């Protein structure tokens, strides 16, 4: 099964939250995947702590990328 969501950012908690908020401000609903929390709930340790992934629907990638670039600057 192929997802309609595309990962646009991987990074720290604060930057991920900032990107998510800025995307919401322009009407894009981002999905943030917290690898630490997923690993903890499954009973495993995450080898790279404090890293989150931000996904958006494939139809909104081009609109979302400038926000990601601005957050990384």
N, C-alpha and C. Protein backbone atom coordinates (compact mmCIF):
# COMPACT_ATOMS: atom_id res chain seq x y z
N UNK A 1 0.84 -1.19 0.00
CA UNK A 1 0.00 0.00 0.00
C UNK A 1 0.89 1.25 0.00
N UNK A 2 0.63 2.15 -0.90
CA UNK A 2 1.44 3.35 -1.03
C UNK A 2 0.75 4.52 -0.34
N UNK A 3 1.53 5.32 0.37
CA UNK A 3 0.98 6.45 1.10
C UNK A 3 0.85 7.66 0.20
N UNK A 4 -0.13 8.49 0.50
CA UNK A 4 -0.31 9.74 -0.21
C UNK A 4 0.40 10.88 0.50
N UNK A 5 1.15 10.55 1.55
CA UNK A 5 1.87 11.56 2.32
C UNK A 5 3.36 11.47 2.03
N UNK A 6 4.00 12.63 2.03
CA UNK A 6 5.41 12.74 1.70
C UNK A 6 6.14 13.37 2.88
N UNK A 7 7.29 12.79 3.24
CA UNK A 7 8.10 13.37 4.31
C UNK A 7 8.82 14.59 3.76
N UNK A 8 8.64 15.73 4.45
CA UNK A 8 9.27 16.97 3.99
C UNK A 8 10.34 17.47 4.94
N UNK A 9 10.41 16.88 6.15
CA UNK A 9 11.39 17.34 7.13
C UNK A 9 11.67 16.25 8.14
N UNK A 10 12.91 16.13 8.55
CA UNK A 10 13.32 15.29 9.68
C UNK A 10 14.24 16.15 10.52
N UNK A 11 13.92 16.26 11.82
CA UNK A 11 14.77 17.08 12.67
C UNK A 11 14.28 17.14 14.10
N UNK A 12 14.76 18.14 14.81
CA UNK A 12 14.51 18.26 16.23
C UNK A 12 13.05 18.67 16.53
N UNK A 13 12.67 18.49 17.78
CA UNK A 13 11.30 18.74 18.22
C UNK A 13 10.86 20.17 17.96
N UNK A 14 11.66 21.14 18.37
CA UNK A 14 11.24 22.55 18.25
C UNK A 14 11.05 22.98 16.80
N UNK A 15 11.97 22.59 15.94
CA UNK A 15 11.84 22.96 14.52
C UNK A 15 10.64 22.26 13.90
N UNK A 16 10.42 20.99 14.26
CA UNK A 16 9.27 20.25 13.74
C UNK A 16 7.97 20.90 14.17
N UNK A 17 7.89 21.33 15.42
CA UNK A 17 6.68 21.98 15.92
C UNK A 17 6.46 23.32 15.22
N UNK A 18 7.54 24.04 14.99
CA UNK A 18 7.44 25.34 14.30
C UNK A 18 6.91 25.14 12.88
N UNK A 19 7.47 24.16 12.18
CA UNK A 19 7.02 23.88 10.82
C UNK A 19 5.56 23.47 10.82
N UNK A 20 5.18 22.59 11.74
CA UNK A 20 3.79 22.15 11.81
C UNK A 20 2.86 23.34 12.03
N UNK A 21 3.21 24.24 12.93
CA UNK A 21 2.36 25.40 13.21
C UNK A 21 2.27 26.33 12.00
N UNK A 22 3.40 26.58 11.36
CA UNK A 22 3.38 27.46 10.19
C UNK A 22 2.59 26.85 9.04
N UNK A 23 2.65 25.54 8.89
CA UNK A 23 1.86 24.87 7.87
C UNK A 23 0.38 24.99 8.18
N UNK A 24 0.01 24.79 9.43
CA UNK A 24 -1.39 24.94 9.84
C UNK A 24 -1.89 26.36 9.60
N UNK A 25 -1.01 27.34 9.80
CA UNK A 25 -1.38 28.73 9.59
C UNK A 25 -1.79 29.01 8.14
N UNK A 26 -1.27 28.23 7.20
CA UNK A 26 -1.63 28.43 5.79
C UNK A 26 -2.58 27.34 5.30
N UNK A 27 -3.15 26.59 6.22
CA UNK A 27 -4.18 25.63 5.86
C UNK A 27 -3.71 24.23 5.48
N UNK A 28 -2.46 23.90 5.82
CA UNK A 28 -1.95 22.56 5.53
C UNK A 28 -1.92 21.76 6.83
N UNK A 29 -2.57 20.62 6.82
CA UNK A 29 -2.55 19.74 7.99
C UNK A 29 -1.38 18.78 7.87
N UNK A 30 -0.34 19.03 8.65
CA UNK A 30 0.85 18.18 8.64
C UNK A 30 0.69 17.06 9.65
N UNK A 31 1.37 15.95 9.36
CA UNK A 31 1.42 14.82 10.27
C UNK A 31 2.85 14.75 10.80
N UNK A 32 2.99 14.76 12.13
CA UNK A 32 4.31 14.68 12.74
C UNK A 32 4.45 13.31 13.39
N UNK A 33 5.49 12.59 12.98
CA UNK A 33 5.75 11.26 13.52
C UNK A 33 6.92 11.36 14.49
N UNK A 34 6.65 10.99 15.72
CA UNK A 34 7.66 11.03 16.77
C UNK A 34 8.25 9.63 16.92
N UNK A 35 9.45 9.43 16.39
CA UNK A 35 10.07 8.11 16.44
C UNK A 35 10.36 7.67 17.87
N UNK A 36 10.71 8.62 18.73
CA UNK A 36 10.98 8.29 20.14
C UNK A 36 9.75 7.68 20.80
N UNK A 37 8.62 8.33 20.62
CA UNK A 37 7.39 7.87 21.26
C UNK A 37 6.94 6.54 20.69
N UNK A 38 7.04 6.37 19.40
CA UNK A 38 6.67 5.10 18.77
C UNK A 38 7.54 3.97 19.29
N UNK A 39 8.84 4.21 19.38
CA UNK A 39 9.76 3.19 19.87
C UNK A 39 9.49 2.87 21.34
N UNK A 40 9.24 3.90 22.13
CA UNK A 40 8.98 3.68 23.56
C UNK A 40 7.72 2.85 23.77
N UNK A 41 6.68 3.17 23.04
CA UNK A 41 5.43 2.43 23.16
C UNK A 41 5.57 0.97 22.72
N UNK A 42 6.47 0.73 21.78
CA UNK A 42 6.70 -0.64 21.31
C UNK A 42 7.69 -1.39 22.19
N UNK A 43 8.31 -0.70 23.15
CA UNK A 43 9.26 -1.34 24.05
C UNK A 43 10.68 -1.36 23.54
N UNK A 44 10.99 -0.47 22.61
CA UNK A 44 12.34 -0.40 22.05
C UNK A 44 12.95 0.97 22.33
N UNK A 45 14.27 1.02 22.19
CA UNK A 45 14.96 2.31 22.31
C UNK A 45 15.22 2.82 20.89
N UNK A 46 15.06 4.11 20.70
CA UNK A 46 15.33 4.72 19.41
C UNK A 46 16.81 5.04 19.32
N UNK A 47 17.51 4.56 18.28
CA UNK A 47 18.95 4.82 18.17
C UNK A 47 19.29 6.29 17.92
N UNK A 48 18.32 7.07 17.42
CA UNK A 48 18.54 8.49 17.17
C UNK A 48 17.46 9.26 17.93
N UNK A 49 17.73 9.62 19.19
CA UNK A 49 16.69 10.27 20.00
C UNK A 49 16.35 11.69 19.54
N UNK A 50 15.13 12.11 19.87
CA UNK A 50 14.65 13.47 19.62
C UNK A 50 14.59 13.86 18.16
N UNK A 51 14.25 12.90 17.30
CA UNK A 51 14.12 13.18 15.88
C UNK A 51 12.67 12.93 15.48
N UNK A 52 12.08 13.93 14.82
CA UNK A 52 10.70 13.82 14.36
C UNK A 52 10.66 13.99 12.85
N UNK A 53 9.66 13.37 12.23
CA UNK A 53 9.43 13.51 10.80
C UNK A 53 8.14 14.28 10.58
N UNK A 54 8.15 15.18 9.60
CA UNK A 54 6.95 15.95 9.25
C UNK A 54 6.53 15.52 7.84
N UNK A 55 5.25 15.15 7.72
CA UNK A 55 4.68 14.72 6.46
C UNK A 55 3.53 15.64 6.06
N UNK A 56 3.36 15.80 4.75
CA UNK A 56 2.19 16.51 4.22
C UNK A 56 1.64 15.70 3.06
N UNK A 57 0.40 15.96 2.71
CA UNK A 57 -0.22 15.29 1.57
C UNK A 57 0.55 15.67 0.31
N UNK A 58 0.69 14.71 -0.58
CA UNK A 58 1.48 14.93 -1.80
C UNK A 58 1.00 16.13 -2.62
N UNK A 59 -0.27 16.47 -2.52
CA UNK A 59 -0.80 17.61 -3.28
C UNK A 59 -0.38 18.95 -2.68
N UNK A 60 0.19 18.93 -1.47
CA UNK A 60 0.56 20.18 -0.80
C UNK A 60 2.06 20.36 -0.62
N UNK A 61 2.85 19.46 -1.20
CA UNK A 61 4.31 19.50 -1.01
C UNK A 61 4.90 20.82 -1.50
N UNK A 62 4.55 21.24 -2.69
CA UNK A 62 5.15 22.46 -3.25
C UNK A 62 4.82 23.69 -2.42
N UNK A 63 3.64 23.72 -1.85
CA UNK A 63 3.24 24.85 -1.00
C UNK A 63 3.96 24.80 0.35
N UNK A 64 4.30 23.59 0.82
CA UNK A 64 4.91 23.42 2.14
C UNK A 64 6.43 23.61 2.13
N UNK A 65 7.09 23.30 1.05
CA UNK A 65 8.56 23.34 1.02
C UNK A 65 9.16 24.71 1.37
N UNK A 66 8.60 25.84 0.91
CA UNK A 66 9.19 27.13 1.31
C UNK A 66 9.17 27.34 2.84
N UNK A 67 8.17 26.79 3.52
CA UNK A 67 8.11 26.93 4.98
C UNK A 67 9.22 26.11 5.61
N UNK A 68 9.45 24.92 5.10
CA UNK A 68 10.53 24.07 5.62
C UNK A 68 11.88 24.76 5.39
N UNK A 69 12.08 25.28 4.21
CA UNK A 69 13.35 25.98 3.92
C UNK A 69 13.55 27.18 4.84
N UNK A 70 12.49 27.93 5.09
CA UNK A 70 12.57 29.08 5.99
C UNK A 70 12.89 28.68 7.42
N UNK A 71 12.36 27.57 7.85
CA UNK A 71 12.61 27.10 9.22
C UNK A 71 14.02 26.60 9.40
N UNK A 72 14.62 26.08 8.33
CA UNK A 72 15.98 25.56 8.41
C UNK A 72 17.02 26.67 8.31
N UNK A 73 16.63 27.83 7.84
CA UNK A 73 17.58 28.94 7.64
C UNK A 73 17.95 29.60 8.94
